[in-house]
Each structure stands twice: as C-alpha cells, then as structure tokens.
C-alpha cells in the first residue's frame, strides 16, 4: 500500500512524502482436519448444532492432556497431545463435529515493513521519530535514513522503519 502525505520528523514538519507499507503473507499446510462449514447435526434431544464461521456456538469444548501414544512417530518428544471433545451447551450430550480431512493450506499475515520517500531533509545519522499524515490518517514510528539524493535543487531521502508503524488518532 502506498499513501501520499506529509512527514513530521522529531515533531517538525519536514516535507511531503510517499509512505509504503508492505505485509508479507505466509502460507502454511496442515494435515489436521478442519471444521466442515456445511455440517449440521441434531443431538438426541433435538438441539441443532452447526458452525458459524470457525466457531461452534452451541457446543463447548473440553480439552484433556493425553500421554504420548507413539502415533506421532516421536515428533512430540514424549510430551503427549491434547484431545478435545465437544458437548451440547443445553443438554450436555457429547457431539462429534463434522470435519474435512487434511491436508489444508491457509495463509496468515507475516512480517510488516514500511519505508517512506521524503521530499526534503531528515536526520542522516541514527534513529529518529517520524509521524506521517496521510489521507487515511496519522501514522507514527521510528526510522533511519537509508538513502539521500541531492540534485536539481532538491533533496529526496528514503527512510526505513526501524520498528513498528502505529496508526494513531
């Protein structure tokens, strides 16, 4: 995402800038089963159970630590595993939610980095505080100058975030 704005370095207006925020996405694969979104079940007392998104609102889960049974091939290092059972919140009947066997791939947000091109001078040594006002709001973080270009009567400085970029009010 690229946003246009104004950079304020150490509390003072510096210059217009272009803020670039990048979010890596990490892909993971698991062999574990996942909840079947189309599963519907009526227990012995007629209570209907079905998922809402990734949640089972009519059931409560009980997880119990189990000793290693060797089925993992030793990957647990003898620590064992947790076995979860599901129970109806109304009558207490045990219910086995419908699942879809793995493997499954899912994507989660990974590292987030940010940088800005500032059309003006910023501190060239060390870390400094920067606030950036954009059309989407204010952002703040610590940064260091990475690259300075001087030419044609203008100064362009690329700064790199040296910590998280916070959205501020």
C-alpha atoms as a PDB file:
ATOM      1  CA  UNK A   1       0.000   0.000   0.000  1.00  0.00           C
ATOM      2  CA  UNK A   2       1.320   3.444  -0.896  1.00  0.00           C
ATOM      3  CA  UNK A   3      -0.053   6.613   0.719  1.00  0.00           C
ATOM      4  CA  UNK A   4       0.764  10.245  -0.011  1.00  0.00           C
ATOM      5  CA  UNK A   5       1.232  12.574   2.934  1.00  0.00           C
ATOM      6  CA  UNK A   6       3.405  14.880   4.980  1.00  0.00           C
ATOM      7  CA  UNK A   7       6.268  13.682   7.182  1.00  0.00           C
ATOM      8  CA  UNK A   8       6.923  15.280  10.573  1.00  0.00           C
ATOM      9  CA  UNK A   9      10.388  14.401  11.856  1.00  0.00           C
ATOM     10  CA  UNK A  10      11.060  14.881  15.574  1.00  0.00           C
ATOM     11  CA  UNK A  11       7.825  16.911  15.771  1.00  0.00           C
ATOM     12  CA  UNK A  12       8.634  19.389  12.998  1.00  0.00           C
ATOM     13  CA  UNK A  13       7.113  19.446   9.504  1.00  0.00           C
ATOM     14  CA  UNK A  14       9.650  18.070   7.084  1.00  0.00           C
ATOM     15  CA  UNK A  15       8.107  17.681   3.652  1.00  0.00           C
ATOM     16  CA  UNK A  16       5.667  15.812   1.534  1.00  0.00           C
ATOM     17  CA  UNK A  17       6.257  12.079   1.348  1.00  0.00           C
ATOM     18  CA  UNK A  18       5.159   8.719  -0.016  1.00  0.00           C
ATOM     19  CA  UNK A  19       4.600   6.074   2.671  1.00  0.00           C
ATOM     20  CA  UNK A  20       4.931   2.437   1.568  1.00  0.00           C
ATOM     21  CA  UNK A  21       3.678  -0.343   3.855  1.00  0.00           C
ATOM     22  CA  UNK A  22       4.282  -3.957   2.851  1.00  0.00           C
ATOM     23  CA  UNK A  23       2.736  -7.020   4.503  1.00  0.00           C
ATOM     24  CA  UNK A  24       4.210 -10.445   3.816  1.00  0.00           C
ATOM     25  CA  UNK A  25       1.761 -13.323   3.750  1.00  0.00           C
ATOM     26  CA  UNK A  26       2.900 -16.724   4.992  1.00  0.00           C
ATOM     27  CA  UNK A  27       1.377 -19.929   3.600  1.00  0.00           C
ATOM     28  CA  UNK A  28       1.118 -23.000   5.847  1.00  0.00           C
ATOM     29  CA  UNK A  29      -0.112 -26.535   5.244  1.00  0.00           C
ATOM     30  CA  UNK A  30      -1.508 -28.851   7.897  1.00  0.00           C
ATOM     31  CA  UNK A  31      -2.686 -32.455   7.792  1.00  0.00           C
ATOM     32  CA  UNK A  32      -5.113 -31.779  10.638  1.00  0.00           C
ATOM     33  CA  UNK A  33      -8.832 -31.943   9.855  1.00  0.00           C
ATOM     34  CA  UNK A  34     -10.811 -28.711   9.692  1.00  0.00           C
ATOM     35  CA  UNK A  35     -14.422 -27.958  10.570  1.00  0.00           C
ATOM     36  CA  UNK A  36     -16.864 -28.743   7.777  1.00  0.00           C
ATOM     37  CA  UNK A  37     -18.751 -25.466   7.163  1.00  0.00           C
ATOM     38  CA  UNK A  38     -21.790 -27.431   5.844  1.00  0.00           C
ATOM     39  CA  UNK A  39     -22.087 -29.800   8.829  1.00  0.00           C
ATOM     40  CA  UNK A  40     -25.430 -29.803  10.678  1.00  0.00           C
ATOM     41  CA  UNK A  41     -26.355 -32.256  13.452  1.00  0.00           C
ATOM     42  CA  UNK A  42     -29.330 -32.743  15.781  1.00  0.00           C
ATOM     43  CA  UNK A  43     -28.477 -34.376  19.104  1.00  0.00           C
ATOM     44  CA  UNK A  44     -30.713 -36.849  20.959  1.00  0.00           C
ATOM     45  CA  UNK A  45     -32.794 -34.017  22.432  1.00  0.00           C
ATOM     46  CA  UNK A  46     -33.304 -32.312  19.066  1.00  0.00           C
ATOM     47  CA  UNK A  47     -30.829 -29.453  19.614  1.00  0.00           C
ATOM     48  CA  UNK A  48     -29.365 -28.326  16.295  1.00  0.00           C
ATOM     49  CA  UNK A  49     -25.611 -27.876  16.053  1.00  0.00           C
ATOM     50  CA  UNK A  50     -23.876 -26.168  13.117  1.00  0.00           C
ATOM     51  CA  UNK A  51     -20.796 -23.984  12.679  1.00  0.00           C
ATOM     52  CA  UNK A  52     -20.923 -20.207  12.440  1.00  0.00           C
ATOM     53  CA  UNK A  53     -17.711 -19.355  10.644  1.00  0.00           C
ATOM     54  CA  UNK A  54     -14.924 -21.122  12.578  1.00  0.00           C
ATOM     55  CA  UNK A  55     -16.991 -21.278  15.773  1.00  0.00           C
ATOM     56  CA  UNK A  56     -19.388 -23.857  17.233  1.00  0.00           C
ATOM     57  CA  UNK A  57     -21.614 -21.590  19.379  1.00  0.00           C
ATOM     58  CA  UNK A  58     -23.963 -24.357  20.629  1.00  0.00           C
ATOM     59  CA  UNK A  59     -21.112 -26.576  21.844  1.00  0.00           C
ATOM     60  CA  UNK A  60     -18.402 -26.211  24.465  1.00  0.00           C
ATOM     61  CA  UNK A  61     -15.008 -27.845  24.117  1.00  0.00           C
ATOM     62  CA  UNK A  62     -13.211 -29.866  26.765  1.00  0.00           C
ATOM     63  CA  UNK A  63      -9.505 -30.488  26.131  1.00  0.00           C
ATOM     64  CA  UNK A  64      -7.645 -33.145  28.051  1.00  0.00           C
ATOM     65  CA  UNK A  65      -3.898 -33.730  28.024  1.00  0.00           C
ATOM     66  CA  UNK A  66      -3.060 -37.258  26.856  1.00  0.00           C
ATOM     67  CA  UNK A  67       0.235 -39.145  27.169  1.00  0.00           C
ATOM     68  CA  UNK A  68       2.213 -39.887  24.015  1.00  0.00           C
ATOM     69  CA  UNK A  69       0.774 -42.943  22.242  1.00  0.00           C
ATOM     70  CA  UNK A  70       3.575 -43.201  19.665  1.00  0.00           C
ATOM     71  CA  UNK A  71       1.324 -42.418  16.680  1.00  0.00           C
ATOM     72  CA  UNK A  72       3.226 -39.174  16.028  1.00  0.00           C
ATOM     73  CA  UNK A  73       6.405 -41.093  15.254  1.00  0.00           C
ATOM     74  CA  UNK A  74       8.226 -39.395  18.118  1.00  0.00           C
ATOM     75  CA  UNK A  75       7.762 -35.814  16.941  1.00  0.00           C
ATOM     76  CA  UNK A  76       6.167 -34.788  20.249  1.00  0.00           C
ATOM     77  CA  UNK A  77       9.298 -35.868  22.161  1.00  0.00           C
ATOM     78  CA  UNK A  78       7.141 -37.799  24.631  1.00  0.00           C
ATOM     79  CA  UNK A  79       5.186 -34.704  25.644  1.00  0.00           C
ATOM     80  CA  UNK A  80       1.838 -36.104  24.509  1.00  0.00           C
ATOM     81  CA  UNK A  81      -1.044 -34.230  22.975  1.00  0.00           C
ATOM     82  CA  UNK A  82      -4.434 -32.694  23.741  1.00  0.00           C
ATOM     83  CA  UNK A  83      -7.657 -34.475  22.885  1.00  0.00           C
ATOM     84  CA  UNK A  84     -10.730 -32.261  22.543  1.00  0.00           C
ATOM     85  CA  UNK A  85     -14.311 -33.407  22.982  1.00  0.00           C
ATOM     86  CA  UNK A  86     -17.393 -31.302  22.267  1.00  0.00           C
ATOM     87  CA  UNK A  87     -20.553 -31.129  24.366  1.00  0.00           C
ATOM     88  CA  UNK A  88     -24.008 -29.580  23.839  1.00  0.00           C
ATOM     89  CA  UNK A  89     -24.355 -26.414  25.941  1.00  0.00           C
ATOM     90  CA  UNK A  90     -28.049 -27.169  26.620  1.00  0.00           C
ATOM     91  CA  UNK A  91     -28.214 -30.885  27.470  1.00  0.00           C
ATOM     92  CA  UNK A  92     -24.570 -31.944  27.904  1.00  0.00           C
ATOM     93  CA  UNK A  93     -24.652 -34.642  25.212  1.00  0.00           C
ATOM     94  CA  UNK A  94     -21.288 -35.341  23.595  1.00  0.00           C
ATOM     95  CA  UNK A  95     -21.263 -34.334  19.919  1.00  0.00           C
ATOM     96  CA  UNK A  96     -18.606 -35.027  17.288  1.00  0.00           C
ATOM     97  CA  UNK A  97     -18.440 -32.072  14.864  1.00  0.00           C
ATOM     98  CA  UNK A  98     -18.164 -32.868  11.170  1.00  0.00           C
ATOM     99  CA  UNK A  99     -14.717 -32.286   9.727  1.00  0.00           C
ATOM    100  CA  UNK A 100     -12.907 -32.375   6.404  1.00  0.00           C
ATOM    101  CA  UNK A 101      -9.676 -34.391   6.347  1.00  0.00           C
ATOM    102  CA  UNK A 102      -6.382 -32.631   5.593  1.00  0.00           C
ATOM    103  CA  UNK A 103      -4.142 -31.534   4.103  1.00  0.00           C
ATOM    104  CA  UNK A 104      -5.289 -27.897   4.185  1.00  0.00           C
ATOM    105  CA  UNK A 105      -3.401 -24.758   3.239  1.00  0.00           C
ATOM    106  CA  UNK A 106      -4.046 -21.425   4.916  1.00  0.00           C
ATOM    107  CA  UNK A 107      -2.445 -18.000   4.729  1.00  0.00           C
ATOM    108  CA  UNK A 108      -1.638 -15.762   7.703  1.00  0.00           C
ATOM    109  CA  UNK A 109      -0.123 -12.273   7.876  1.00  0.00           C
ATOM    110  CA  UNK A 110       3.644 -12.295   8.328  1.00  0.00           C
ATOM    111  CA  UNK A 111       6.229  -9.557   8.779  1.00  0.00           C
ATOM    112  CA  UNK A 112       5.169  -5.987   8.089  1.00  0.00           C
ATOM    113  CA  UNK A 113       7.705  -3.429   6.931  1.00  0.00           C
ATOM    114  CA  UNK A 114       7.475   0.203   5.998  1.00  0.00           C
ATOM    115  CA  UNK A 115       9.508   2.921   4.352  1.00  0.00           C
ATOM    116  CA  UNK A 116       8.904   6.419   3.058  1.00  0.00           C
ATOM    117  CA  UNK A 117      10.318   8.658   0.398  1.00  0.00           C
ATOM    118  CA  UNK A 118      10.558  12.127   1.941  1.00  0.00           C
ATOM    119  CA  UNK A 119      10.972  15.058  -0.437  1.00  0.00           C
ATOM    120  CA  UNK A 120      13.207  17.009   1.925  1.00  0.00           C
ATOM    121  CA  UNK A 121      15.953  16.648   4.525  1.00  0.00           C
ATOM    122  CA  UNK A 122      15.736  14.344   7.548  1.00  0.00           C
ATOM    123  CA  UNK A 123      18.418  13.424  10.123  1.00  0.00           C
ATOM    124  CA  UNK A 124      21.105  11.465   8.323  1.00  0.00           C
ATOM    125  CA  UNK A 125      22.536   9.769  11.431  1.00  0.00           C
ATOM    126  CA  UNK A 126      20.806   7.447  13.871  1.00  0.00           C
ATOM    127  CA  UNK A 127      17.215   6.685  14.621  1.00  0.00           C
ATOM    128  CA  UNK A 128      14.511   9.369  14.790  1.00  0.00           C
ATOM    129  CA  UNK A 129      10.771   9.674  15.457  1.00  0.00           C
ATOM    130  CA  UNK A 130       8.564  10.298  12.452  1.00  0.00           C
ATOM    131  CA  UNK A 131       4.851  10.979  12.150  1.00  0.00           C
ATOM    132  CA  UNK A 132       3.179  10.870   8.775  1.00  0.00           C
ATOM    133  CA  UNK A 133      -0.157  12.471   7.994  1.00  0.00           C
ATOM    134  CA  UNK A 134      -1.913  10.751   5.070  1.00  0.00           C
ATOM    135  CA  UNK A 135      -5.353  10.692   3.527  1.00  0.00           C
ATOM    136  CA  UNK A 136      -6.039   7.560   5.648  1.00  0.00           C
ATOM    137  CA  UNK A 137      -4.963   9.125   8.941  1.00  0.00           C
ATOM    138  CA  UNK A 138      -1.824   9.516  11.032  1.00  0.00           C
ATOM    139  CA  UNK A 139       0.992   7.004  11.376  1.00  0.00           C
ATOM    140  CA  UNK A 140       3.994   7.096  13.731  1.00  0.00           C
ATOM    141  CA  UNK A 141       7.188   5.116  14.164  1.00  0.00           C
ATOM    142  CA  UNK A 142      10.947   5.154  14.450  1.00  0.00           C
ATOM    143  CA  UNK A 143      13.041   5.302  11.306  1.00  0.00           C
ATOM    144  CA  UNK A 144      16.565   5.697   9.961  1.00  0.00           C
ATOM    145  CA  UNK A 145      17.701   7.430   6.789  1.00  0.00           C
ATOM    146  CA  UNK A 146      18.623   4.851   4.179  1.00  0.00           C
ATOM    147  CA  UNK A 147      19.331   6.856   1.058  1.00  0.00           C
ATOM    148  CA  UNK A 148      19.808  10.547   0.268  1.00  0.00           C
ATOM    149  CA  UNK A 149      19.642  12.003  -3.242  1.00  0.00           C
ATOM    150  CA  UNK A 150      20.590  15.607  -3.959  1.00  0.00           C
ATOM    151  CA  UNK A 151      20.111  17.066  -7.382  1.00  0.00           C
ATOM    152  CA  UNK A 152      18.422  19.824  -9.318  1.00  0.00           C
ATOM    153  CA  UNK A 153      17.985  21.895  -6.172  1.00  0.00           C
ATOM    154  CA  UNK A 154      16.017  19.213  -4.317  1.00  0.00           C
ATOM    155  CA  UNK A 155      16.712  16.644  -1.621  1.00  0.00           C
ATOM    156  CA  UNK A 156      14.991  13.258  -1.576  1.00  0.00           C
ATOM    157  CA  UNK A 157      15.523  10.993   1.424  1.00  0.00           C
ATOM    158  CA  UNK A 158      14.385   7.390   1.695  1.00  0.00           C
ATOM    159  CA  UNK A 159      13.755   6.368   5.292  1.00  0.00           C
ATOM    160  CA  UNK A 160      13.268   2.830   6.557  1.00  0.00           C
ATOM    161  CA  UNK A 161      11.155   1.890   9.532  1.00  0.00           C
ATOM    162  CA  UNK A 162      13.294   0.564  12.364  1.00  0.00           C
ATOM    163  CA  UNK A 163      10.285  -0.571  14.384  1.00  0.00           C
ATOM    164  CA  UNK A 164       6.541  -0.966  14.082  1.00  0.00           C
ATOM    165  CA  UNK A 165       4.422   1.648  12.334  1.00  0.00           C
ATOM    166  CA  UNK A 166       1.479   2.566  14.538  1.00  0.00           C
ATOM    167  CA  UNK A 167      -1.768   4.100  13.342  1.00  0.00           C
ATOM    168  CA  UNK A 168      -2.556   6.984  15.692  1.00  0.00           C
ATOM    169  CA  UNK A 169      -5.602   9.178  16.335  1.00  0.00           C
END
